[in-house]
Protein backbone atom coordinates (compact mmCIF):
# COMPACT_ATOMS: atom_id res chain seq x y z
CA UNK A 1 19.48 -36.42 -183.93
CA UNK A 2 18.79 -36.56 -180.20
CA UNK A 3 20.62 -34.21 -177.84
CA UNK A 4 20.36 -33.11 -174.22
CA UNK A 5 20.87 -29.41 -173.47
CA UNK A 6 21.91 -28.11 -170.06
CA UNK A 7 21.63 -24.34 -169.65
CA UNK A 8 18.78 -22.42 -171.29
CA UNK A 9 20.06 -18.86 -171.06
CA UNK A 10 20.44 -16.41 -173.93
CA UNK A 11 22.77 -18.70 -175.87
CA UNK A 12 21.65 -22.17 -174.83
CA UNK A 13 17.96 -21.38 -175.07
CA UNK A 14 18.24 -20.01 -178.60
CA UNK A 15 20.35 -22.99 -179.63
CA UNK A 16 17.50 -25.25 -178.52
CA UNK A 17 15.04 -23.30 -180.65
CA UNK A 18 17.34 -23.53 -183.68
CA UNK A 19 17.84 -27.27 -183.19
CA UNK A 20 14.10 -27.83 -182.82
CA UNK A 21 13.58 -26.03 -186.14
CA UNK A 22 16.09 -28.47 -187.60
CA UNK A 23 13.91 -31.41 -186.49
CA UNK A 24 16.27 -32.64 -183.76
CA UNK A 25 14.89 -34.14 -180.55
CA UNK A 26 15.81 -32.10 -177.46
CA UNK A 27 15.76 -33.03 -173.78
CA UNK A 28 16.43 -29.88 -171.77
CA UNK A 29 17.38 -28.92 -168.23
CA UNK A 30 17.90 -25.62 -166.44
CA UNK A 31 17.92 -24.60 -162.79
CA UNK A 32 15.01 -22.30 -163.65
CA UNK A 33 11.83 -24.39 -164.16
CA UNK A 34 10.25 -21.54 -166.12
CA UNK A 35 13.04 -21.71 -168.69
CA UNK A 36 12.43 -25.44 -169.08
CA UNK A 37 8.70 -24.79 -169.45
CA UNK A 38 9.24 -22.27 -172.28
CA UNK A 39 11.27 -24.76 -174.27
CA UNK A 40 8.87 -27.63 -173.59
CA UNK A 41 6.12 -25.46 -175.05
CA UNK A 42 8.31 -25.08 -178.15
CA UNK A 43 8.62 -28.85 -178.57
CA UNK A 44 11.45 -29.99 -176.29
CA UNK A 45 11.20 -32.64 -173.59
CA UNK A 46 11.82 -31.27 -170.11
CA UNK A 47 13.87 -32.75 -167.29
CA UNK A 48 13.85 -31.73 -163.64
CA UNK A 49 17.32 -33.09 -162.82
CA UNK A 50 20.52 -34.35 -164.39
CA UNK A 51 19.46 -37.90 -163.61
CA UNK A 52 16.14 -37.45 -165.39
CA UNK A 53 17.81 -35.82 -168.39
CA UNK A 54 20.21 -38.76 -168.74
CA UNK A 55 17.38 -41.26 -168.32
CA UNK A 56 15.32 -39.66 -171.09
CA UNK A 57 18.16 -39.90 -173.62
CA UNK A 58 18.90 -43.03 -175.62
CA UNK A 59 22.34 -44.65 -175.39
CA UNK A 60 24.90 -43.58 -176.41
CA UNK A 61 23.96 -40.12 -175.22
CA UNK A 62 25.05 -36.71 -176.45
CA UNK A 63 24.69 -33.81 -173.99
CA UNK A 64 25.57 -30.16 -174.65
CA UNK A 65 26.37 -27.80 -171.77
CA UNK A 66 25.86 -24.04 -172.12
CA UNK A 67 26.78 -22.86 -168.63
CA UNK A 68 29.29 -20.23 -167.42
CA UNK A 69 32.97 -21.16 -167.37
CA UNK A 70 34.76 -22.19 -164.23
CA UNK A 71 32.96 -23.59 -161.21
CA UNK A 72 29.54 -23.90 -162.91
CA UNK A 73 31.01 -26.17 -165.62
CA UNK A 74 33.02 -28.14 -163.06
CA UNK A 75 29.97 -28.65 -160.85
CA UNK A 76 27.81 -29.64 -163.82
CA UNK A 77 30.33 -32.20 -165.06
CA UNK A 78 30.82 -33.69 -161.59
CA UNK A 79 27.07 -33.91 -161.00
CA UNK A 80 26.31 -35.32 -164.43
CA UNK A 81 29.04 -37.94 -164.82
CA UNK A 82 27.55 -40.47 -162.35
CA UNK A 83 24.53 -40.69 -164.68
CA UNK A 84 26.58 -41.22 -167.86
CA UNK A 85 27.97 -44.38 -169.46
CA UNK A 86 30.87 -45.36 -171.66
CA UNK A 87 30.36 -44.05 -175.20
CA UNK A 88 28.43 -40.95 -174.14
CA UNK A 89 29.51 -37.54 -175.44
CA UNK A 90 29.62 -34.39 -173.32
CA UNK A 91 30.01 -31.08 -175.18
CA UNK A 92 31.11 -27.89 -173.42
CA UNK A 93 29.83 -25.04 -175.58
CA UNK A 94 30.71 -22.28 -173.13
CA UNK A 95 33.86 -20.20 -172.83
CA UNK A 96 35.91 -22.53 -170.67
CA UNK A 97 39.65 -22.14 -170.35
CA UNK A 98 41.24 -24.55 -172.83
CA UNK A 99 43.49 -25.98 -170.10
CA UNK A 100 40.41 -26.95 -168.08
CA UNK A 101 38.91 -28.59 -171.16
CA UNK A 102 42.07 -30.64 -171.72
CA UNK A 103 42.03 -31.77 -168.10
CA UNK A 104 38.35 -32.72 -168.18
CA UNK A 105 38.72 -34.61 -171.46
CA UNK A 106 41.59 -36.66 -170.07
CA UNK A 107 39.75 -37.42 -166.82
CA UNK A 108 36.56 -38.50 -168.60
CA UNK A 109 38.39 -40.63 -171.15
CA UNK A 110 39.16 -43.06 -168.33
CA UNK A 111 35.42 -43.65 -168.05
CA UNK A 112 34.98 -44.02 -171.80
CA UNK A 113 33.17 -40.67 -172.00
CA UNK A 114 34.06 -38.29 -174.84
CA UNK A 115 34.48 -34.60 -174.03
CA UNK A 116 34.27 -32.06 -176.85
CA UNK A 117 35.22 -28.42 -176.31
CA UNK A 118 33.07 -26.34 -178.65
CA UNK A 119 33.94 -22.67 -178.85
CA UNK A 120 30.67 -20.98 -179.76
CA UNK A 121 30.31 -17.50 -181.24
CA UNK A 122 27.12 -15.79 -182.34
CA UNK A 123 25.59 -14.26 -179.25
CA UNK A 124 21.91 -13.42 -179.25
CA UNK A 125 21.92 -13.31 -183.08
CA UNK A 126 22.80 -16.99 -183.41
CA UNK A 127 19.18 -18.12 -183.52
CA UNK A 128 18.57 -16.21 -186.75
CA UNK A 129 21.97 -16.30 -188.48
CA UNK A 130 23.64 -19.34 -186.93
CA UNK A 131 26.59 -19.96 -184.64
CA UNK A 132 30.27 -20.15 -185.52
CA UNK A 133 31.57 -23.34 -183.90
CA UNK A 134 35.19 -24.33 -183.19
CA UNK A 135 35.27 -27.92 -181.90
CA UNK A 136 38.15 -29.84 -180.38
CA UNK A 137 38.33 -33.40 -179.07
CA UNK A 138 38.01 -36.94 -180.35
CA UNK A 139 37.35 -36.97 -184.11
CA UNK A 140 34.90 -39.86 -183.94
CA UNK A 141 32.85 -38.00 -181.31
CA UNK A 142 32.91 -34.89 -183.51
CA UNK A 143 31.60 -36.94 -186.44
CA UNK A 144 28.74 -38.23 -184.31
CA UNK A 145 27.53 -34.75 -183.35
CA UNK A 146 28.15 -33.20 -186.76
CA UNK A 147 24.43 -33.25 -187.68
CA UNK A 148 23.87 -30.87 -184.75
CA UNK A 149 26.71 -28.61 -185.88
CA UNK A 150 25.29 -28.41 -189.39
CA UNK A 151 21.98 -27.20 -187.97
CA UNK A 152 23.49 -24.75 -185.51
CA UNK A 153 26.00 -23.15 -187.88
CA UNK A 154 25.58 -21.18 -191.10
CA UNK A 155 27.20 -22.61 -194.24
CA UNK A 156 30.92 -23.23 -193.60
CA UNK A 157 30.38 -22.07 -190.02
CA UNK A 158 31.87 -24.97 -188.07
CA UNK A 159 35.31 -26.60 -187.94
CA UNK A 160 37.01 -29.55 -186.31
CA UNK A 161 40.08 -27.87 -184.83
CA UNK A 162 41.97 -30.92 -183.52
CA UNK A 163 42.73 -32.51 -180.17
CA UNK A 164 41.05 -31.69 -176.89
CA UNK A 165 41.39 -28.05 -175.85
CA UNK A 166 41.95 -26.73 -179.36
CA UNK A 167 38.35 -25.61 -179.82
CA UNK A 168 38.34 -23.47 -176.71
CA UNK A 169 41.87 -22.26 -177.50
CA UNK A 170 40.75 -20.98 -180.92
CA UNK A 171 37.67 -19.36 -179.34
CA UNK A 172 39.86 -17.71 -176.71
CA UNK A 173 42.05 -16.07 -179.35
CA UNK A 174 38.91 -15.17 -181.35
CA UNK A 175 37.61 -13.24 -178.35
CA UNK A 176 40.99 -11.58 -177.79
CA UNK A 177 40.90 -10.31 -181.38
CA UNK A 178 37.33 -9.15 -180.77
CA UNK A 179 38.57 -7.01 -177.87
CA UNK A 180 41.07 -5.28 -180.15
CA UNK A 181 38.55 -4.69 -182.95
CA UNK A 182 35.97 -3.26 -180.58
CA UNK A 183 38.54 -0.96 -178.98
CA UNK A 184 39.61 0.36 -182.40
CA UNK A 185 36.02 1.17 -183.34
CA UNK A 186 35.43 2.78 -179.94
CA UNK A 187 38.45 5.05 -180.26
CA UNK A 188 37.70 5.98 -183.84
CA UNK A 189 34.11 6.94 -183.12
CA UNK A 190 35.18 8.91 -180.06
CA UNK A 191 37.47 10.98 -182.30
CA UNK A 192 34.57 11.49 -184.74
CA UNK A 193 32.28 12.51 -181.88
CA UNK A 194 34.78 15.08 -180.59
CA UNK A 195 35.55 16.54 -184.04
CA UNK A 196 33.38 19.65 -183.88
CA UNK A 197 31.65 18.66 -187.11
CA UNK A 198 27.95 17.78 -187.09
CA UNK A 199 28.57 14.15 -188.01
CA UNK A 200 25.88 11.50 -188.18
CA UNK A 201 27.81 8.64 -186.61
CA UNK A 202 25.18 6.01 -187.39
CA UNK A 203 25.23 6.92 -191.09
CA UNK A 204 29.03 6.89 -191.11
CA UNK A 205 29.00 3.38 -189.63
CA UNK A 206 26.53 2.35 -192.32
CA UNK A 207 28.64 3.99 -195.03
CA UNK A 208 31.79 2.16 -193.95
CA UNK A 209 30.00 -1.16 -194.34
CA UNK A 210 29.65 -0.55 -198.08
CA UNK A 211 33.02 -1.19 -199.69
CA UNK A 212 35.27 0.06 -196.89
CA UNK A 213 38.17 -2.07 -195.66
CA UNK A 214 36.93 -1.63 -192.06
CA UNK A 215 33.46 -3.09 -192.76
CA UNK A 216 32.32 -5.83 -190.38
CA UNK A 217 29.40 -7.23 -188.41
CA UNK A 218 30.64 -5.32 -185.37
CA UNK A 219 30.30 -2.13 -187.38
CA UNK A 220 26.75 -3.11 -188.28
CA UNK A 221 26.05 -3.47 -184.56
CA UNK A 222 27.66 -0.08 -183.92
CA UNK A 223 25.31 1.44 -186.49
CA UNK A 224 22.31 -0.20 -184.81
CA UNK A 225 23.35 1.10 -181.37
CA UNK A 226 23.93 4.63 -182.66
CA UNK A 227 20.58 4.69 -184.45
CA UNK A 228 18.85 3.86 -181.17
CA UNK A 229 20.78 6.42 -179.13
CA UNK A 230 23.03 8.75 -181.22
CA UNK A 231 24.89 10.08 -178.17
CA UNK A 232 24.72 6.81 -176.21
CA UNK A 233 23.38 8.94 -173.37
CA UNK A 234 21.59 6.00 -171.79
CA UNK A 235 24.73 3.89 -171.41
CA UNK A 236 27.45 4.11 -168.78
CA UNK A 237 30.97 3.65 -170.16
CA UNK A 238 31.69 0.67 -167.92
CA UNK A 239 33.01 -2.33 -169.84
CA UNK A 240 33.24 -5.82 -168.35
CA UNK A 241 35.43 -8.64 -169.60
CA UNK A 242 34.43 -12.29 -169.48
CA UNK A 243 37.87 -13.88 -169.17
CA UNK A 244 38.93 -14.82 -172.68
CA UNK A 245 40.79 -11.54 -173.26
CA UNK A 246 42.81 -12.08 -170.08
CA UNK A 247 43.59 -15.67 -171.09
CA UNK A 248 44.67 -14.56 -174.56
CA UNK A 249 47.08 -11.99 -173.13
CA UNK A 250 48.40 -14.53 -170.61
CA UNK A 251 48.95 -17.03 -173.44
CA UNK A 252 50.81 -14.39 -175.45
CA UNK A 253 53.10 -13.79 -172.45
CA UNK A 254 53.61 -17.53 -171.88
CA UNK A 255 54.64 -18.06 -175.52
CA UNK A 256 56.64 -14.82 -175.91
CA UNK A 257 54.28 -13.48 -178.57
CA UNK A 258 54.02 -9.67 -178.71
CA UNK A 259 50.35 -8.67 -178.64
CA UNK A 260 50.27 -4.95 -177.78
CA UNK A 261 46.87 -4.17 -179.32
CA UNK A 262 45.06 -7.02 -177.58
CA UNK A 263 46.82 -6.27 -174.29
CA UNK A 264 46.00 -2.56 -174.36
CA UNK A 265 42.38 -3.25 -175.30
CA UNK A 266 42.08 -5.36 -172.15
CA UNK A 267 43.72 -2.63 -170.07
CA UNK A 268 41.22 -0.10 -171.44
CA UNK A 269 38.39 -2.25 -170.12
CA UNK A 270 39.97 -2.11 -166.69
CA UNK A 271 40.29 1.67 -167.03
CA UNK A 272 36.60 2.00 -167.88
CA UNK A 273 35.64 0.70 -164.44
CA UNK A 274 37.55 3.36 -162.49
CA UNK A 275 35.30 6.15 -161.31
CA UNK A 276 38.37 7.94 -160.00
CA UNK A 277 41.86 6.68 -160.78
CA UNK A 278 44.42 6.86 -157.97
CA UNK A 279 47.13 6.55 -160.61
CA UNK A 280 45.90 9.65 -162.45
CA UNK A 281 45.77 11.58 -159.19
CA UNK A 282 49.39 10.61 -158.58
CA UNK A 283 50.32 11.79 -162.09
CA UNK A 284 48.75 15.19 -161.38
CA UNK A 285 50.50 15.36 -158.01
CA UNK A 286 53.89 14.58 -159.56
CA UNK A 287 53.48 17.30 -162.20
CA UNK A 288 52.66 19.73 -159.40
CA UNK A 289 55.64 18.63 -157.31
CA UNK A 290 58.34 18.86 -159.96
CA UNK A 291 56.99 21.64 -162.14
CA UNK A 292 54.49 23.54 -160.08
CA UNK A 293 51.76 22.66 -162.56
CA UNK A 294 48.25 23.39 -161.34
CA UNK A 295 46.06 20.61 -160.04
CA UNK A 296 42.27 20.55 -159.86
CA UNK A 297 41.08 20.45 -156.29
CA UNK A 298 38.03 18.45 -155.22
């Protein structure tokens, strides 16, 4: 199948390589000409602009975007649409907010353009093991791009989730769950590390992946990280969040669903970024004020 790819970063670039291995024809664009060059050398056809990318694709076109959520997606869609025609398919494979995807799908439907929201999980490992894909939007458009999904995903690794927005909604909750799982592993291994025993944390992670109920791919990645740096001495404990965890918690609040684990895991990420917490200083001050408890002076 023929597909255009916009965005050749860690995810989009590897997706191009996987699709090329699957004998698909790729026309690629990125703001970085060097990224385009690397993928042309691998067998893709390069484009220097959105207009050129659209021109190099046969009608009806299928174009996949792998660009950051928010303004970058909005700008890409607005810049690309003038070069598209009725019957074309535009796939957003990034982590867009599902409400934005619903809005874009409705707006583009007036032009006869199909908009699929494809939640994509797999990270940098997707090239080798495949991507888990959660796709919402028009069913006929999904059927047209299914050959691409079969190549990108491992066996049973893609799903049509329903109407527009559902793919990114499922991916949002997926990432919220991921926050909670990662936080549980982080806390557990911190307790192990502080135990006073001479524990080999990497080997424990490996052990738990053989028959334990807590085995997972995340635990495999924990083992790999601990084998490289047993004390994680080269890493600062500063944890970013990319939006989906916040959206999941906001959705839980909007629908009156209790989600304490996911909410607290997000709060812990915020805590990780505080070099010195004003709130903790106030706690110490209050203990000193009401009970005369000692405080540590700077």
